Each structure stands twice: as structure tokens, then as C-alpha cells.
Amino acid sequence: MNATPRWFCDAKLGIFIHWGIFSVPAFGPRGRSIVDILRSYPDDGVARSPYAEWYENSIRFPQSPAAAHHRATYGARTYRSFRDDFDAASQAFDADAWAELFAAAGAKYAVFVTKHHDGYCLWPTGVANPYRPGWHSTRDFVGELAAATRARDLTFGTYYSGGLDWTFRDTPIGSFGGMMAAVPFEDPYRAYAAAQYRELIARYDTAVLWNDIAYPDEADRDALIADFRAARPDGIVNNRWMASRSFLEKMRIPAGRAALDARIAARWNSGEGNPMQDSGLGDFHTPEYADELEFGDRPWEACRGLDLSFGYNAGAQPEDHLTPTDLIRSFADIVAHGGNLLLNIGPRADGSIPDIQQSLLRTLGTWLKTNGAAIYGARRLATPSGTASDGTPYRVTQTEGALHVLFMATPRATTLTLPTLTAAMAAKRPDGGNVTLQAADPVTMTLGAPFDDAPVHVVTLEGAALRNV
């Protein structure tokens, strides 16, 4: 495992973009998170997924909410037929508008889904799909977004579904075992995936290889990652590269799938988190819609949408989305515990980003304009959290020469003791309000003016240290 590059550790906020043919039907069942659904339906939870980008798989299950919606709305129409709708609508795509929004949100990098599980590529690939010729865009959406984000000083990265491609293997996926059984590890997919990855690296100089689910071959994977690191020494690779041929073969046997599903169900029941296969490789771990915050010394990046789906869900309601308070507090919690947040947007088929998503991103960006010094470049402390004397929970981040206290609610008292902190020499508030140090061991401060109504309030301490607690 390579040392994770500094740019990634400093960046803290990235934007994930799921956009494609699935943005035309734009459907996912509402009201329950992927974690809740998978725990409740271990045998066919994937078919009930709230993820709109999984629509093609979900409609293969007659009992699924997506299949019922499809019958009622589209009758016998095939998923493949939505390609013409997407190709027409997507001509309104405006890479500069996206990149401007990402910059306004305070993001430092973007990761674009170049090919999801339906196999449709968002660039004019020169690698032919033997089963579905021409299954790619004519317009170079990847290249346009790469240029637009870099023009605004964002690092550009690419997601590629290496483990699933339903144009090569369209086995219905109901469970995690079924998902692993659907990985096409044979040629021609093995050669196809490797060639497309190399095309993304050579053509777009991507700084992030964000692979999903698994990879078809271990030797190909290792050679690909080695070549990527040689071409882009500051590049990063995520952890979802499991490529065990023996394991994938076992998943095609009913008993093997059942055994995996039983193990995952036991993990869910014991309270363990996301069961996504972890290769143990890569520069960072990738929890998804998870509440976990502890991953040892391994760098990590939480990924989730602004609502319950990555792809655009036309039926999503305001209550299905994060509130501004939840978004900012969750982000502060992730950063204090050493993680990055890869926050997803799901544009409509025409590339327009729903107002509620734009509003949440701009609200986060406004908060970061005031409080970014506590976020960008921050590192985790051994004790990243505490509770003030008035009961207000707080988190702590560290940058060079300073500790930053992030109050996760508005303090009820004007004088606060912070039991985990000591040795502060000075205090200041990035919002411009007054704050006075009363004591240094433990740190006690008096707020000279009340905080505004922001979800998280910051006080910066110079020369401070954490006590052992």
C-alpha cells in the first residue's frame, strides 16, 4: 500500500457524479436507506435498492418496486431503449456549470462515473464492446468535465465499474452473493476492462482510479495499478479491487452464494457495517451510506448521495434528502475522524442538477468559506471528540500550529470548559465573534457574542494540546 498523497488527505471534500441512461427512468423506491433494506431483505435486498442507477437490474425482479413502476409507466419497453432518450437530453450538458457548482461547494476534487453497471460509457471509447457495439456516447462528457474542473483547480478522477457490466453478464442480482456471481471474469470482458481503464488513464490523465465491486483478474489488476502509479505518481486508488478467481468461481455455485449471504446477514445482525468486498489494496477505504467513523490508521473516504440514491430519483421528496444541518455536522464528524467526504450529485438526463441538490452544495460552500481553516489540510487527533461543560458535543481537528474546536450544536452557556483540551495560548473565532480564554488546563473560554445559527461553530486554539482521556 502506497503512502496516500497529500493532496487527497488535505482535500476533505470531493464531488461524486452518477449520470447516465438510468437518469431517464430515474426511479428508486423511497423512504428506506440501502443499509436498512439490505438488513431487512438479505435474499433480494439488492433488487429493492433505492439506488436509481441500479434500475436495469431491479426491473429483472417481477416483485420489485422498480418492476411494478416500470410495468405501470413503460409497459414492455426495454431499458436499452432509454439510450436514445438520454443521448438526446444529454446534449444540454454544461460541464462549466457543474464545475462552477462544485467549486462553490468548496470541493477540491471530483470523481465522474464514466461507466456504471449498465456498461454505457460516457466517452467515445475506442475499445469495442463485442456484445453491444456503439454502447457509448458520441460526445466526450469525460473530457469536457475533466477540462472544466481543472480550470477551477479541482483534481479530476474517474469511477469505473470494473466488477459489473450487464452487457457482458446480465445475471439478476438479488443479494451480495448474487452480485459476486455476476462479475464477468472471463475474456472478452477481462481484456475489455483493462483496455478501457488504460484509455481513461492515457486520454484523461485521471488522478483517481475509483473501481467498484471487484475486478476480473488479479494479474491484470496489479499490472494496471502499477502502470497507473508510474504514469501518475500523485494518483490514488481506492480499495474495491477484489479479484480472487477462486472466490468468484465459488459465487457461481448456489451453495457458495448462500454461504456468503449467510455470513453477511450475521454481520448485519451483529451491528457491523457495510459488507462491500475489500481487496485490502488501495490507498483508502470507501464506506458507503455508513455511519462508521473508525478505520484504524487507514485513510478513508465516506461516499453517499444527498438523498437515498446516487443516480437521480425523480420521485425523491425533500424529506428524503439530508438537511443542511445533517450535512454539515456529518461532514465535520467525518473530517474530525480522519476521513474525506465524496458527496454525490445525481443530475437529470439533461444534465441539470435539481435545485435541492444545488442548494445543499451551496450551503456547505458558504459554511466552508468561513470555517474552511478547520477542515482543509486537517488531520485527526487520537481523541477527536469531547463534551463541553454545558453538554455541547464537540469535535477537534488539527492543522499546523492550531487545534480547531467544532461545536456540533449551539452552546447553551457563554463560558465553556473543554475537558479534553489543555495548554491553549490564544483563541479566535473565524466568524469574527469575540472569545476570551479563562483558563488553559483544561481550556475554559468565554464567548463574548452568541454564535449565529450555523449547524457547526468553530473556535480555533493556538498552542493547544489534547490531554489524555
Protein backbone atom coordinates (compact mmCIF):
# COMPACT_ATOMS: atom_id res chain seq x y z
CA MET A 1 0.00 0.00 0.00
CA ASN A 2 1.46 3.33 -1.08
CA ALA A 3 1.53 6.43 1.09
CA THR A 4 -1.68 8.32 0.33
CA PRO A 5 -0.77 11.57 -1.47
CA ARG A 6 -1.02 14.77 0.49
CA TRP A 7 -3.44 16.45 -1.91
CA PHE A 8 -6.04 13.82 -1.11
CA CYS A 9 -5.50 13.97 2.66
CA ASP A 10 -5.78 17.78 2.54
CA ALA A 11 -8.79 17.98 0.21
CA LYS A 12 -11.51 16.62 2.53
CA LEU A 13 -14.40 17.22 0.10
CA GLY A 14 -14.94 15.67 -3.30
CA ILE A 15 -17.98 15.51 -5.58
CA PHE A 16 -19.18 12.19 -6.98
CA ILE A 17 -21.35 12.30 -10.13
CA HIS A 18 -23.73 9.48 -11.17
CA TRP A 19 -25.31 10.33 -14.52
CA GLY A 20 -26.32 8.14 -17.41
CA ILE A 21 -29.13 6.22 -19.10
CA PHE A 22 -30.59 5.42 -15.67
CA SER A 23 -31.27 9.16 -15.32
CA VAL A 24 -34.13 8.75 -17.83
CA PRO A 25 -36.41 6.36 -15.86
CA ALA A 26 -34.97 7.99 -12.73
CA PHE A 27 -36.71 5.70 -10.26
CA GLY A 28 -35.84 4.23 -6.89
CA PRO A 29 -38.21 3.23 -4.06
CA ARG A 30 -38.42 5.94 -1.43
CA GLY A 31 -38.17 6.02 2.31
CA ARG A 32 -35.53 3.45 3.28
CA SER A 33 -31.77 3.54 3.04
CA ILE A 34 -29.74 0.87 1.29
CA VAL A 35 -28.39 -0.29 4.66
CA ASP A 36 -31.91 -0.70 6.09
CA ILE A 37 -33.14 -2.56 3.01
CA LEU A 38 -30.22 -4.98 2.85
CA ARG A 39 -30.60 -5.79 6.53
CA SER A 40 -34.33 -6.39 6.14
CA TYR A 41 -34.15 -8.39 2.88
CA PRO A 42 -30.94 -10.46 2.86
CA ASP A 43 -32.15 -12.63 -0.05
CA ASP A 44 -33.29 -9.97 -2.51
CA GLY A 45 -32.45 -6.62 -0.97
CA VAL A 46 -30.35 -5.55 -3.94
CA ALA A 47 -33.44 -5.88 -6.17
CA ARG A 48 -35.24 -3.46 -3.83
CA SER A 49 -32.39 -0.96 -3.85
CA PRO A 50 -33.20 2.76 -3.56
CA TYR A 51 -30.33 3.36 -5.99
CA ALA A 52 -31.83 4.63 -9.26
CA GLU A 53 -28.63 3.68 -11.12
CA TRP A 54 -29.48 0.01 -10.43
CA TYR A 55 -32.81 0.28 -12.28
CA GLU A 56 -31.90 -2.17 -15.06
CA ASN A 57 -31.16 -4.87 -12.52
CA SER A 58 -34.12 -4.08 -10.29
CA ILE A 59 -36.70 -4.46 -13.08
CA ARG A 60 -35.47 -8.02 -13.68
CA PHE A 61 -37.27 -9.00 -10.45
CA PRO A 62 -41.05 -9.02 -11.06
CA GLN A 63 -41.81 -8.46 -7.36
CA SER A 64 -39.56 -5.41 -7.00
CA PRO A 65 -40.87 -1.84 -6.62
CA ALA A 66 -38.93 -0.84 -9.75
CA ALA A 67 -40.54 -3.61 -11.83
CA ALA A 68 -44.03 -2.53 -10.71
CA HIS A 69 -43.18 1.07 -11.59
CA HIS A 70 -41.78 0.03 -14.96
CA ARG A 71 -44.85 -2.03 -15.91
CA ALA A 72 -47.16 0.83 -14.97
CA THR A 73 -45.12 3.55 -16.64
CA TYR A 74 -43.35 1.96 -19.60
CA GLY A 75 -45.10 -1.36 -20.23
CA ALA A 76 -42.86 -3.70 -22.20
CA ARG A 77 -40.25 -1.08 -23.04
CA THR A 78 -36.65 -2.25 -22.53
CA TYR A 79 -34.00 -0.47 -20.51
CA ARG A 80 -31.85 -0.38 -23.61
CA SER A 81 -34.44 1.79 -25.37
CA PHE A 82 -33.79 4.64 -22.91
CA ARG A 83 -30.44 5.18 -24.58
CA ASP A 84 -31.99 7.33 -27.34
CA ASP A 85 -33.74 9.50 -24.75
CA PHE A 86 -30.50 10.00 -22.86
CA ASP A 87 -28.46 10.76 -25.96
CA ALA A 88 -30.94 13.46 -26.95
CA ALA A 89 -31.38 15.01 -23.50
CA SER A 90 -27.68 14.93 -22.62
CA GLN A 91 -26.80 17.38 -25.37
CA ALA A 92 -27.79 20.12 -22.91
CA PHE A 93 -24.90 19.07 -20.64
CA ASP A 94 -22.86 22.03 -19.41
CA ALA A 95 -19.55 20.98 -17.85
CA ASP A 96 -18.73 24.54 -16.80
CA ALA A 97 -21.99 24.89 -14.85
CA TRP A 98 -21.23 21.66 -12.99
CA ALA A 99 -17.66 22.70 -12.22
CA GLU A 100 -18.76 26.14 -11.01
CA LEU A 101 -21.18 24.49 -8.59
CA PHE A 102 -18.50 22.08 -7.33
CA ALA A 103 -16.15 24.99 -6.68
CA ALA A 104 -18.93 26.93 -4.94
CA ALA A 105 -19.49 23.93 -2.68
CA GLY A 106 -15.87 24.09 -1.56
CA ALA A 107 -14.92 20.79 -3.19
CA LYS A 108 -11.30 20.11 -4.06
CA TYR A 109 -11.78 17.13 -6.36
CA ALA A 110 -14.43 15.43 -8.49
CA VAL A 111 -14.91 11.77 -9.40
CA PHE A 112 -17.04 11.19 -12.50
CA VAL A 113 -18.81 7.89 -13.14
CA THR A 114 -17.50 7.08 -16.62
CA LYS A 115 -19.19 3.66 -16.88
CA HIS A 116 -21.71 2.25 -14.42
CA HIS A 117 -23.01 -1.31 -14.27
CA ASP A 118 -25.20 -0.92 -17.37
CA GLY A 119 -21.96 -0.67 -19.35
CA TYR A 120 -22.78 2.60 -21.12
CA CYS A 121 -19.64 4.72 -21.48
CA LEU A 122 -19.73 8.50 -21.20
CA TRP A 123 -16.82 9.00 -23.54
CA PRO A 124 -16.29 7.97 -27.20
CA THR A 125 -14.21 4.94 -26.31
CA GLY A 126 -12.10 3.29 -28.94
CA VAL A 127 -12.48 -0.09 -27.20
CA ALA A 128 -15.25 -2.01 -28.94
CA ASN A 129 -17.95 -3.74 -26.89
CA PRO A 130 -18.35 -7.13 -28.63
CA TYR A 131 -21.91 -7.62 -27.38
CA ARG A 132 -23.30 -4.12 -27.78
CA PRO A 133 -21.43 -2.17 -30.46
CA GLY A 134 -21.51 1.60 -30.06
CA TRP A 135 -22.68 1.44 -26.43
CA HIS A 136 -21.10 4.79 -25.62
CA SER A 137 -21.71 8.50 -26.05
CA THR A 138 -20.57 10.34 -29.13
CA ARG A 139 -19.85 13.46 -27.13
CA ASP A 140 -16.86 13.35 -24.79
CA PHE A 141 -18.51 14.12 -21.47
CA VAL A 142 -15.50 12.81 -19.54
CA GLY A 143 -13.09 15.07 -21.39
CA GLU A 144 -15.32 18.12 -21.06
CA LEU A 145 -15.74 17.68 -17.31
CA ALA A 146 -12.04 16.98 -16.83
CA ALA A 147 -11.18 20.29 -18.51
CA ALA A 148 -13.86 22.27 -16.68
CA THR A 149 -12.91 21.01 -13.22
CA ARG A 150 -9.20 21.50 -13.75
CA ALA A 151 -9.85 25.06 -14.94
CA ARG A 152 -11.23 25.68 -11.44
CA ASP A 153 -8.31 23.99 -9.66
CA LEU A 154 -10.21 20.81 -8.80
CA THR A 155 -8.42 17.48 -9.16
CA PHE A 156 -10.21 15.20 -11.64
CA GLY A 157 -10.80 11.49 -11.05
CA THR A 158 -12.74 8.68 -12.65
CA TYR A 159 -15.03 5.93 -11.40
CA TYR A 160 -15.28 2.78 -13.50
CA SER A 161 -17.41 -0.26 -12.77
CA GLY A 162 -14.77 -2.94 -13.12
CA GLY A 163 -16.76 -5.64 -11.36
CA LEU A 164 -20.12 -5.44 -13.12
CA ASP A 165 -21.08 -4.86 -16.72
CA TRP A 166 -24.53 -6.07 -17.66
CA THR A 167 -23.74 -6.02 -21.38
CA PHE A 168 -21.32 -8.89 -20.70
CA ARG A 169 -23.13 -10.74 -17.90
CA ASP A 170 -26.70 -9.79 -17.03
CA THR A 171 -27.44 -12.32 -14.29
CA PRO A 172 -30.13 -10.84 -12.00
CA ILE A 173 -28.58 -9.68 -8.73
CA GLY A 174 -30.67 -10.02 -5.57
CA SER A 175 -28.03 -10.40 -2.87
CA PHE A 176 -24.32 -9.83 -2.26
CA GLY A 177 -23.62 -13.41 -3.28
CA GLY A 178 -25.55 -12.80 -6.47
CA MET A 179 -23.56 -9.64 -7.09
CA MET A 180 -20.28 -11.51 -6.84
CA ALA A 181 -21.68 -14.24 -9.11
CA ALA A 182 -22.38 -11.61 -11.75
CA VAL A 183 -18.74 -10.47 -12.07
CA PRO A 184 -17.61 -11.37 -15.64
CA PHE A 185 -14.06 -12.56 -15.02
CA GLU A 186 -13.57 -14.29 -18.38
CA ASP A 187 -12.46 -12.85 -21.70
CA PRO A 188 -13.60 -10.87 -23.59
CA TYR A 189 -14.54 -8.75 -20.55
CA ARG A 190 -11.18 -9.18 -18.89
CA ALA A 191 -9.38 -7.62 -21.87
CA TYR A 192 -12.15 -5.04 -22.38
CA ALA A 193 -11.99 -3.66 -18.84
CA ALA A 194 -8.20 -3.45 -18.85
CA ALA A 195 -8.17 -1.65 -22.20
CA GLN A 196 -10.83 0.85 -21.14
CA TYR A 197 -9.03 1.62 -17.91
CA ARG A 198 -5.83 2.29 -19.79
CA GLU A 199 -7.73 4.53 -22.18
CA LEU A 200 -9.06 6.60 -19.26
CA ILE A 201 -5.56 6.92 -17.82
CA ALA A 202 -3.89 7.87 -21.10
CA ARG A 203 -6.61 10.11 -22.52
CA TYR A 204 -7.73 11.98 -19.41
CA ASP A 205 -4.73 11.80 -17.05
CA THR A 206 -7.10 10.82 -14.26
CA ALA A 207 -5.77 11.26 -10.73
CA VAL A 208 -8.19 8.77 -9.13
CA LEU A 209 -8.92 5.18 -10.09
CA TRP A 210 -12.19 4.55 -8.24
CA ASN A 211 -13.11 0.96 -9.04
CA ASP A 212 -16.38 -0.61 -7.93
CA ILE A 213 -17.49 -4.08 -6.77
CA ALA A 214 -14.49 -6.19 -7.88
CA TYR A 215 -12.09 -6.72 -10.78
CA PRO A 216 -11.98 -9.62 -13.25
CA ASP A 217 -8.34 -10.67 -12.91
CA GLU A 218 -5.66 -10.29 -10.26
CA ALA A 219 -2.63 -10.15 -12.55
CA ASP A 220 -4.30 -7.61 -14.84
CA ARG A 221 -5.27 -5.52 -11.82
CA ASP A 222 -1.77 -5.44 -10.39
CA ALA A 223 -0.23 -4.51 -13.75
CA LEU A 224 -2.84 -1.81 -14.30
CA ILE A 225 -2.30 -0.21 -10.90
CA ALA A 226 1.48 -0.34 -11.31
CA ASP A 227 1.24 1.36 -14.71
CA PHE A 228 -1.12 3.98 -13.28
CA ARG A 229 1.27 4.77 -10.43
CA ALA A 230 4.16 5.09 -12.87
CA ALA A 231 2.16 7.47 -15.06
CA ARG A 232 0.66 9.45 -12.20
CA PRO A 233 2.85 9.32 -9.06
CA ASP A 234 0.38 11.52 -7.17
CA GLY A 235 -2.58 9.38 -8.23
CA ILE A 236 -4.72 7.39 -5.81
CA VAL A 237 -6.50 4.06 -5.97
CA ASN A 238 -9.49 3.02 -3.87
CA ASN A 239 -9.94 -0.34 -2.17
CA ARG A 240 -12.66 -2.10 -4.20
CA TRP A 241 -10.40 -4.30 -6.34
CA MET A 242 -11.09 -7.82 -5.05
CA ALA A 243 -10.01 -10.14 -7.88
CA SER A 244 -9.85 -13.68 -6.48
CA ARG A 245 -10.72 -16.05 -9.33
CA SER A 246 -11.40 -18.94 -6.95
CA PHE A 247 -13.80 -16.81 -4.90
CA LEU A 248 -15.66 -15.54 -7.95
CA GLU A 249 -15.98 -19.07 -9.32
CA LYS A 250 -17.36 -20.22 -5.97
CA MET A 251 -20.01 -17.49 -6.12
CA ARG A 252 -21.42 -19.05 -9.29
CA ILE A 253 -22.33 -22.14 -7.27
CA PRO A 254 -25.61 -21.80 -5.28
CA ALA A 255 -24.03 -23.14 -2.09
CA GLY A 256 -21.19 -20.65 -2.33
CA ARG A 257 -23.55 -17.71 -2.75
CA ALA A 258 -25.73 -18.92 0.12
CA ALA A 259 -22.72 -19.21 2.42
CA LEU A 260 -21.60 -15.64 1.66
CA ASP A 261 -25.10 -14.28 2.14
CA ALA A 262 -25.37 -16.07 5.49
CA ARG A 263 -22.06 -14.59 6.66
CA ILE A 264 -23.13 -11.10 5.63
CA ALA A 265 -26.50 -11.49 7.35
CA ALA A 266 -24.69 -12.48 10.54
CA ARG A 267 -22.50 -9.39 10.27
CA TRP A 268 -25.54 -7.17 9.81
CA ASN A 269 -27.24 -8.76 12.81
CA SER A 270 -24.16 -8.17 14.96
CA GLY A 271 -24.21 -4.48 14.09
CA GLU A 272 -21.22 -4.48 11.75
CA GLY A 273 -21.19 -2.04 8.88
CA ASN A 274 -21.02 -2.04 5.10
CA PRO A 275 -20.23 -5.52 3.75
CA MET A 276 -18.73 -4.36 0.45
CA GLN A 277 -15.81 -6.61 -0.52
CA ASP A 278 -12.48 -5.03 0.44
CA SER A 279 -9.42 -6.10 -1.54
CA GLY A 280 -7.05 -4.82 1.15
CA LEU A 281 -5.33 -2.92 -1.66
CA GLY A 282 -5.61 0.73 -2.48
CA ASP A 283 -4.85 3.98 -0.75
CA PHE A 284 -8.16 4.46 1.03
CA HIS A 285 -11.23 2.64 2.34
CA THR A 286 -14.69 3.50 0.95
CA PRO A 287 -17.64 3.13 3.36
CA GLU A 288 -20.95 3.78 1.61
CA TYR A 289 -24.02 5.29 3.30
CA ALA A 290 -22.45 4.12 6.54
CA ASP A 291 -22.24 5.66 10.00
CA GLU A 292 -18.82 4.17 10.70
CA LEU A 293 -16.05 6.59 11.62
CA GLU A 294 -13.23 4.31 12.79
CA PHE A 295 -10.91 2.60 10.31
CA GLY A 296 -7.66 2.38 12.23
CA ASP A 297 -4.72 4.04 10.52
CA ARG A 298 -6.11 3.56 7.04
CA PRO A 299 -7.15 6.69 5.12
CA TRP A 300 -10.82 6.61 4.22
CA GLU A 301 -13.49 8.37 2.21
CA ALA A 302 -17.20 8.21 3.01
CA CYS A 303 -19.42 8.26 -0.07
CA ARG A 304 -23.14 8.94 -0.23
CA GLY A 305 -25.77 10.89 -2.10
CA LEU A 306 -27.66 13.95 -0.96
CA ASP A 307 -30.76 11.76 -0.85
CA LEU A 308 -31.03 7.95 -0.67
CA SER A 309 -29.78 7.33 -4.22
CA PHE A 310 -26.66 8.10 -6.20
CA GLY A 311 -28.46 8.36 -9.55
CA TYR A 312 -31.25 10.92 -9.98
CA ASN A 313 -34.54 9.76 -8.44
CA ALA A 314 -37.36 11.89 -9.84
CA GLY A 315 -39.66 10.79 -7.02
CA ALA A 316 -37.38 11.82 -4.16
CA GLN A 317 -39.02 14.24 -1.76
CA PRO A 318 -37.40 16.94 0.40
CA GLU A 319 -37.64 14.68 3.44
CA ASP A 320 -35.56 12.04 1.62
CA HIS A 321 -32.61 14.45 1.48
CA LEU A 322 -30.07 15.44 4.06
CA THR A 323 -30.90 18.66 5.82
CA PRO A 324 -28.23 21.38 5.75
CA THR A 325 -27.64 20.73 9.45
CA ASP A 326 -27.20 16.99 8.98
CA LEU A 327 -24.89 17.50 6.00
CA ILE A 328 -22.54 19.94 7.72
CA ARG A 329 -22.46 18.06 11.03
CA SER A 330 -21.83 14.75 9.30
CA PHE A 331 -19.05 16.32 7.23
CA ALA A 332 -17.41 17.79 10.35
CA ASP A 333 -17.63 14.42 12.08
CA ILE A 334 -16.03 12.63 9.13
CA VAL A 335 -13.16 15.12 8.89
CA ALA A 336 -12.51 15.04 12.65
CA HIS A 337 -12.22 11.25 12.43
CA GLY A 338 -9.68 11.47 9.61
CA GLY A 339 -11.92 10.92 6.59
CA ASN A 340 -12.88 12.64 3.37
CA LEU A 341 -16.44 13.02 2.11
CA LEU A 342 -17.19 12.14 -1.51
CA LEU A 343 -20.61 13.76 -1.79
CA ASN A 344 -22.70 12.62 -4.72
CA ILE A 345 -24.95 14.54 -7.07
CA GLY A 346 -27.46 12.86 -9.38
CA PRO A 347 -28.20 15.13 -12.38
CA ARG A 348 -31.27 14.73 -14.56
CA ALA A 349 -30.82 13.22 -18.02
CA ASP A 350 -30.39 16.72 -19.50
CA GLY A 351 -27.53 17.39 -17.10
CA SER A 352 -29.46 19.84 -14.94
CA ILE A 353 -28.88 19.48 -11.21
CA PRO A 354 -32.05 19.62 -9.07
CA ASP A 355 -32.48 22.80 -7.06
CA ILE A 356 -32.46 20.99 -3.72
CA GLN A 357 -29.08 19.43 -4.51
CA GLN A 358 -27.66 22.77 -5.64
CA SER A 359 -28.94 24.47 -2.50
CA LEU A 360 -27.32 21.90 -0.21
CA LEU A 361 -23.98 22.20 -2.00
CA ARG A 362 -24.02 26.00 -1.88
CA THR A 363 -24.96 25.97 1.80
CA LEU A 364 -22.00 23.71 2.52
CA GLY A 365 -19.76 26.01 0.49
CA THR A 366 -20.92 29.06 2.43
CA TRP A 367 -20.10 27.35 5.72
CA LEU A 368 -16.67 26.36 4.39
CA LYS A 369 -15.86 29.92 3.33
CA THR A 370 -15.97 30.90 6.99
CA ASN A 371 -14.74 27.70 8.61
CA GLY A 372 -12.53 26.04 6.00
CA ALA A 373 -9.35 26.55 8.04
CA ALA A 374 -10.67 23.89 10.43
CA ILE A 375 -11.28 21.47 7.54
CA TYR A 376 -8.81 21.73 4.68
CA GLY A 377 -5.46 20.17 5.49
CA ALA A 378 -6.73 18.99 8.87
CA ARG A 379 -5.50 15.82 10.50
CA ARG A 380 -7.13 13.54 13.02
CA LEU A 381 -6.17 13.55 16.69
CA ALA A 382 -6.16 10.43 18.84
CA THR A 383 -9.13 11.85 20.76
CA PRO A 384 -11.23 13.65 18.14
CA SER A 385 -14.29 14.38 20.26
CA GLY A 386 -15.46 15.59 23.65
CA THR A 387 -18.33 17.21 25.53
CA ALA A 388 -18.18 20.75 26.87
CA SER A 389 -19.18 21.66 30.41
CA ASP A 390 -22.66 22.71 29.27
CA GLY A 391 -23.25 19.40 27.49
CA THR A 392 -22.43 20.61 23.97
CA PRO A 393 -20.67 17.90 21.94
CA TYR A 394 -17.59 18.99 20.03
CA ARG A 395 -15.04 17.61 17.61
CA VAL A 396 -11.39 18.65 17.25
CA THR A 397 -9.21 18.88 14.15
CA GLN A 398 -5.54 19.78 13.91
CA THR A 399 -3.69 21.91 11.41
CA GLU A 400 -0.17 23.27 11.68
CA GLY A 401 0.09 25.30 14.88
CA ALA A 402 -3.56 25.12 15.84
CA LEU A 403 -6.41 22.98 17.09
CA HIS A 404 -9.93 23.71 15.90
CA VAL A 405 -12.91 23.03 18.13
CA LEU A 406 -16.05 22.31 16.13
CA PHE A 407 -19.13 22.62 18.31
CA MET A 408 -21.78 20.28 16.96
CA ALA A 409 -24.62 22.38 18.37
CA THR A 410 -25.02 25.94 19.61
CA PRO A 411 -23.57 26.13 23.14
CA ARG A 412 -26.14 26.91 25.82
CA ALA A 413 -23.61 28.65 28.10
CA THR A 414 -21.31 31.57 27.39
CA THR A 415 -18.47 30.14 29.49
CA LEU A 416 -17.37 26.66 28.45
CA THR A 417 -14.82 24.20 29.77
CA LEU A 418 -13.43 21.69 27.26
CA PRO A 419 -12.17 18.73 29.31
CA THR A 420 -10.05 17.13 26.56
CA LEU A 421 -8.01 20.27 25.81
CA THR A 422 -5.15 21.98 27.58
CA ALA A 423 -2.27 24.46 27.08
CA ALA A 424 -4.04 26.91 24.78
CA MET A 425 -2.28 30.27 24.38
CA ALA A 426 -4.86 32.11 22.29
CA ALA A 427 -8.34 31.65 20.88
CA LYS A 428 -10.20 33.17 17.96
CA ARG A 429 -13.43 32.69 16.10
CA PRO A 430 -13.43 32.54 12.29
CA ASP A 431 -16.89 34.10 12.28
CA GLY A 432 -15.39 37.25 13.83
CA GLY A 433 -17.08 36.90 17.19
CA ASN A 434 -15.26 37.56 20.46
CA VAL A 435 -13.84 34.75 22.56
CA THR A 436 -11.63 35.01 25.66
CA LEU A 437 -9.52 32.29 27.27
CA GLN A 438 -10.22 32.00 31.01
CA ALA A 439 -8.01 29.00 31.74
CA ALA A 440 -5.62 26.74 29.88
CA ASP A 441 -5.83 23.46 31.83
CA PRO A 442 -8.45 22.43 30.98
CA VAL A 443 -9.28 25.01 28.35
CA THR A 444 -12.04 27.32 29.53
CA MET A 445 -13.36 30.07 27.27
CA THR A 446 -15.96 32.79 27.39
CA LEU A 447 -17.89 33.67 24.28
CA GLY A 448 -18.30 37.42 24.01
CA ALA A 449 -21.11 37.20 21.48
CA PRO A 450 -23.55 34.43 20.66
CA PHE A 451 -22.91 32.24 17.66
CA ASP A 452 -25.11 32.60 14.59
CA ASP A 453 -27.45 29.82 13.56
CA ALA A 454 -24.85 27.70 11.72
CA PRO A 455 -25.04 23.91 12.30
CA VAL A 456 -21.39 23.73 13.43
CA HIS A 457 -19.46 26.53 15.19
CA VAL A 458 -15.67 26.80 15.21
CA VAL A 459 -13.20 28.18 17.72
CA THR A 460 -9.51 27.99 16.86
CA LEU A 461 -6.98 27.46 19.65
CA GLU A 462 -3.33 28.29 19.11
CA GLY A 463 -0.70 26.40 21.06
CA ALA A 464 -3.28 23.99 22.39
CA ALA A 465 -2.84 20.31 23.10
CA LEU A 466 -5.06 17.37 23.90
CA ARG A 467 -4.93 15.78 27.33
CA ASN A 468 -5.03 12.01 27.73
CA VAL A 469 -8.62 10.99 28.38
